[in-house]
Amino acid sequence: MSEKQLNNPLHGVTLEKVVTRLVEHYGWDGLARRININCFKSDPSIKSSLKFLRKTQWARDKVEQLYISTFTKKSPWGNAKS
């Protein structure tokens, strides 16, 4: 089972931590520009965003993908085999 998690950059990261780090990095306006959902545009808060994202899988997927693309370090060598 642990082998499945080795390549999962979200392993051990809560949804609250994901949203908090994205807000710290982009701010609410920047986040709303990148992901067009009302919980980031209209009176945003961590609590209301979490409530929406826990119920709406497509939106959660977009938020998690933005987190991964923003905070996951990519190897300068790519996936090339030696």
N, C-alpha and C. Protein backbone atom coordinates (compact mmCIF):
# COMPACT_ATOMS: atom_id res chain seq x y z
N MET A 1 0.82 -1.20 0.00
CA MET A 1 0.00 0.00 0.00
C MET A 1 0.86 1.26 0.00
N SER A 2 1.98 1.25 0.71
CA SER A 2 2.82 2.44 0.76
C SER A 2 3.44 2.74 -0.60
N GLU A 3 3.59 1.73 -1.47
CA GLU A 3 4.14 1.95 -2.80
C GLU A 3 3.24 2.87 -3.62
N LYS A 4 1.95 2.81 -3.41
CA LYS A 4 1.01 3.66 -4.13
C LYS A 4 1.22 5.13 -3.79
N GLN A 5 1.68 5.40 -2.58
CA GLN A 5 1.79 6.77 -2.10
C GLN A 5 3.15 7.40 -2.41
N LEU A 6 4.12 6.63 -2.85
CA LEU A 6 5.45 7.17 -3.08
C LEU A 6 5.46 8.32 -4.08
N ASN A 7 4.66 8.23 -5.12
CA ASN A 7 4.63 9.25 -6.15
C ASN A 7 3.45 10.20 -6.03
N ASN A 8 2.79 10.19 -4.89
CA ASN A 8 1.63 11.06 -4.69
C ASN A 8 2.07 12.31 -3.93
N PRO A 9 2.17 13.45 -4.63
CA PRO A 9 2.63 14.67 -3.95
C PRO A 9 1.64 15.21 -2.92
N LEU A 10 0.41 14.70 -2.91
CA LEU A 10 -0.58 15.15 -1.94
C LEU A 10 -0.67 14.24 -0.72
N HIS A 11 0.13 13.19 -0.68
CA HIS A 11 0.08 12.27 0.45
C HIS A 11 0.44 13.00 1.74
N GLY A 12 -0.46 12.96 2.70
CA GLY A 12 -0.23 13.58 3.99
C GLY A 12 -0.56 15.07 4.04
N VAL A 13 -1.04 15.63 2.95
CA VAL A 13 -1.38 17.05 2.90
C VAL A 13 -2.90 17.19 2.94
N THR A 14 -3.41 17.90 3.93
CA THR A 14 -4.85 18.06 4.05
C THR A 14 -5.36 19.09 3.03
N LEU A 15 -6.64 19.01 2.74
CA LEU A 15 -7.26 19.98 1.83
C LEU A 15 -7.14 21.38 2.41
N GLU A 16 -7.25 21.51 3.70
CA GLU A 16 -7.11 22.82 4.34
C GLU A 16 -5.71 23.39 4.11
N LYS A 17 -4.70 22.57 4.21
CA LYS A 17 -3.33 23.01 3.97
C LYS A 17 -3.14 23.41 2.51
N VAL A 18 -3.74 22.65 1.60
CA VAL A 18 -3.66 22.97 0.17
C VAL A 18 -4.23 24.35 -0.10
N VAL A 19 -5.45 24.60 0.39
CA VAL A 19 -6.11 25.89 0.15
C VAL A 19 -5.34 27.02 0.83
N THR A 20 -4.90 26.79 2.05
CA THR A 20 -4.17 27.82 2.79
C THR A 20 -2.88 28.21 2.07
N ARG A 21 -2.12 27.24 1.62
CA ARG A 21 -0.86 27.55 0.92
C ARG A 21 -1.12 28.27 -0.39
N LEU A 22 -2.17 27.87 -1.12
CA LEU A 22 -2.48 28.54 -2.38
C LEU A 22 -2.89 29.99 -2.13
N VAL A 23 -3.68 30.22 -1.09
CA VAL A 23 -4.10 31.60 -0.76
C VAL A 23 -2.89 32.43 -0.35
N GLU A 24 -1.99 31.86 0.44
CA GLU A 24 -0.78 32.57 0.84
C GLU A 24 0.08 32.92 -0.37
N HIS A 25 0.12 32.03 -1.34
CA HIS A 25 0.97 32.21 -2.52
C HIS A 25 0.35 33.16 -3.55
N TYR A 26 -0.94 32.95 -3.88
CA TYR A 26 -1.59 33.72 -4.94
C TYR A 26 -2.51 34.82 -4.43
N GLY A 27 -3.01 34.69 -3.21
CA GLY A 27 -4.06 35.58 -2.72
C GLY A 27 -5.40 35.13 -3.30
N TRP A 28 -6.48 35.63 -2.74
CA TRP A 28 -7.81 35.21 -3.21
C TRP A 28 -8.05 35.63 -4.66
N ASP A 29 -7.63 36.85 -5.01
CA ASP A 29 -7.84 37.32 -6.38
C ASP A 29 -7.07 36.48 -7.39
N GLY A 30 -5.83 36.19 -7.08
CA GLY A 30 -5.02 35.37 -7.97
C GLY A 30 -5.56 33.96 -8.09
N LEU A 31 -6.05 33.43 -7.01
CA LEU A 31 -6.64 32.10 -7.02
C LEU A 31 -7.92 32.08 -7.85
N ALA A 32 -8.73 33.12 -7.71
CA ALA A 32 -9.98 33.21 -8.48
C ALA A 32 -9.69 33.36 -9.98
N ARG A 33 -8.60 34.03 -10.33
CA ARG A 33 -8.23 34.15 -11.75
C ARG A 33 -7.79 32.82 -12.33
N ARG A 34 -7.14 32.01 -11.53
CA ARG A 34 -6.65 30.71 -12.00
C ARG A 34 -7.72 29.63 -12.00
N ILE A 35 -8.61 29.69 -11.02
CA ILE A 35 -9.71 28.72 -10.91
C ILE A 35 -11.00 29.51 -10.73
N ASN A 36 -11.82 29.49 -11.74
CA ASN A 36 -13.02 30.33 -11.76
C ASN A 36 -14.18 29.66 -11.01
N ILE A 37 -14.14 29.77 -9.69
CA ILE A 37 -15.24 29.27 -8.87
C ILE A 37 -15.62 30.34 -7.84
N ASN A 38 -16.91 30.43 -7.55
CA ASN A 38 -17.43 31.50 -6.71
C ASN A 38 -16.86 31.52 -5.29
N CYS A 39 -16.51 30.37 -4.75
CA CYS A 39 -16.01 30.37 -3.38
C CYS A 39 -14.68 31.11 -3.27
N PHE A 40 -14.00 31.36 -4.38
CA PHE A 40 -12.77 32.15 -4.38
C PHE A 40 -13.03 33.60 -4.75
N LYS A 41 -14.20 33.90 -5.31
CA LYS A 41 -14.49 35.24 -5.81
C LYS A 41 -15.41 36.04 -4.90
N SER A 42 -16.43 35.41 -4.37
CA SER A 42 -17.47 36.10 -3.62
C SER A 42 -17.31 35.85 -2.12
N ASP A 43 -16.83 36.85 -1.39
CA ASP A 43 -16.64 36.76 0.06
C ASP A 43 -15.88 35.48 0.45
N PRO A 44 -14.64 35.32 -0.06
CA PRO A 44 -13.91 34.07 0.16
C PRO A 44 -13.41 33.89 1.59
N SER A 45 -13.40 32.65 2.01
CA SER A 45 -12.79 32.28 3.29
C SER A 45 -12.33 30.83 3.17
N ILE A 46 -11.41 30.46 4.02
CA ILE A 46 -10.93 29.07 4.02
C ILE A 46 -12.09 28.14 4.33
N LYS A 47 -12.88 28.47 5.34
CA LYS A 47 -13.98 27.61 5.77
C LYS A 47 -15.01 27.38 4.66
N SER A 48 -15.44 28.44 3.99
CA SER A 48 -16.45 28.28 2.94
C SER A 48 -15.86 27.55 1.73
N SER A 49 -14.59 27.80 1.44
CA SER A 49 -13.95 27.11 0.33
C SER A 49 -13.85 25.61 0.60
N LEU A 50 -13.46 25.26 1.82
CA LEU A 50 -13.36 23.84 2.18
C LEU A 50 -14.71 23.15 2.08
N LYS A 51 -15.75 23.82 2.54
CA LYS A 51 -17.10 23.24 2.48
C LYS A 51 -17.49 22.94 1.03
N PHE A 52 -17.24 23.90 0.14
CA PHE A 52 -17.57 23.71 -1.27
C PHE A 52 -16.69 22.63 -1.91
N LEU A 53 -15.41 22.67 -1.67
CA LEU A 53 -14.49 21.73 -2.32
C LEU A 53 -14.70 20.29 -1.86
N ARG A 54 -15.13 20.12 -0.63
CA ARG A 54 -15.40 18.76 -0.14
C ARG A 54 -16.63 18.15 -0.80
N LYS A 55 -17.52 18.99 -1.27
CA LYS A 55 -18.75 18.51 -1.92
C LYS A 55 -18.64 18.46 -3.44
N THR A 56 -17.64 19.12 -4.02
CA THR A 56 -17.58 19.29 -5.46
C THR A 56 -16.24 18.77 -5.99
N GLN A 57 -16.25 17.53 -6.46
CA GLN A 57 -15.01 16.85 -6.83
C GLN A 57 -14.27 17.54 -7.97
N TRP A 58 -14.99 18.02 -9.00
CA TRP A 58 -14.30 18.64 -10.14
C TRP A 58 -13.52 19.88 -9.70
N ALA A 59 -14.09 20.65 -8.76
CA ALA A 59 -13.41 21.85 -8.27
C ALA A 59 -12.21 21.45 -7.41
N ARG A 60 -12.38 20.44 -6.59
CA ARG A 60 -11.27 19.96 -5.76
C ARG A 60 -10.12 19.47 -6.62
N ASP A 61 -10.46 18.77 -7.71
CA ASP A 61 -9.42 18.28 -8.62
C ASP A 61 -8.61 19.44 -9.20
N LYS A 62 -9.29 20.53 -9.57
CA LYS A 62 -8.59 21.69 -10.12
C LYS A 62 -7.69 22.34 -9.08
N VAL A 63 -8.17 22.44 -7.85
CA VAL A 63 -7.38 23.04 -6.78
C VAL A 63 -6.15 22.17 -6.48
N GLU A 64 -6.34 20.88 -6.41
CA GLU A 64 -5.22 19.98 -6.14
C GLU A 64 -4.20 20.02 -7.28
N GLN A 65 -4.66 20.10 -8.52
CA GLN A 65 -3.74 20.18 -9.65
C GLN A 65 -2.95 21.47 -9.63
N LEU A 66 -3.59 22.58 -9.28
CA LEU A 66 -2.87 23.85 -9.16
C LEU A 66 -1.82 23.77 -8.06
N TYR A 67 -2.17 23.16 -6.95
CA TYR A 67 -1.22 22.99 -5.84
C TYR A 67 0.00 22.19 -6.30
N ILE A 68 -0.24 21.09 -6.98
CA ILE A 68 0.85 20.24 -7.45
C ILE A 68 1.73 21.00 -8.44
N SER A 69 1.11 21.69 -9.39
CA SER A 69 1.91 22.40 -10.39
C SER A 69 2.66 23.59 -9.79
N THR A 70 2.15 24.14 -8.71
CA THR A 70 2.79 25.30 -8.08
C THR A 70 3.91 24.90 -7.14
N PHE A 71 3.70 23.86 -6.34
CA PHE A 71 4.63 23.56 -5.26
C PHE A 71 5.47 22.30 -5.43
N THR A 72 5.24 21.52 -6.47
CA THR A 72 6.03 20.31 -6.66
C THR A 72 7.25 20.65 -7.51
N LYS A 73 8.40 20.32 -6.98
CA LYS A 73 9.64 20.58 -7.72
C LYS A 73 9.79 19.55 -8.83
N LYS A 74 10.13 20.03 -9.99
CA LYS A 74 10.35 19.14 -11.13
C LYS A 74 11.85 18.91 -11.30
N SER A 75 12.18 17.71 -11.66
CA SER A 75 13.58 17.37 -11.88
C SER A 75 14.09 18.10 -13.12
N PRO A 76 15.28 18.68 -13.06
CA PRO A 76 15.82 19.36 -14.24
C PRO A 76 16.17 18.36 -15.35
N TRP A 77 16.23 17.09 -15.02
CA TRP A 77 16.55 16.06 -16.01
C TRP A 77 15.32 15.40 -16.58
N GLY A 78 14.15 15.77 -16.09
CA GLY A 78 12.92 15.16 -16.58
C GLY A 78 12.87 13.69 -16.21
N ASN A 79 12.25 12.91 -17.05
CA ASN A 79 12.13 11.47 -16.80
C ASN A 79 13.06 10.66 -17.69
N ALA A 80 14.10 11.27 -18.20
CA ALA A 80 15.02 10.58 -19.09
C ALA A 80 15.77 9.48 -18.35
N LYS A 81 15.94 8.37 -19.01
CA LYS A 81 16.66 7.25 -18.43
C LYS A 81 18.12 7.32 -18.87
N SER A 82 19.01 6.96 -17.96
CA SER A 82 20.43 7.01 -18.34
C SER A 82 20.92 5.72 -18.91
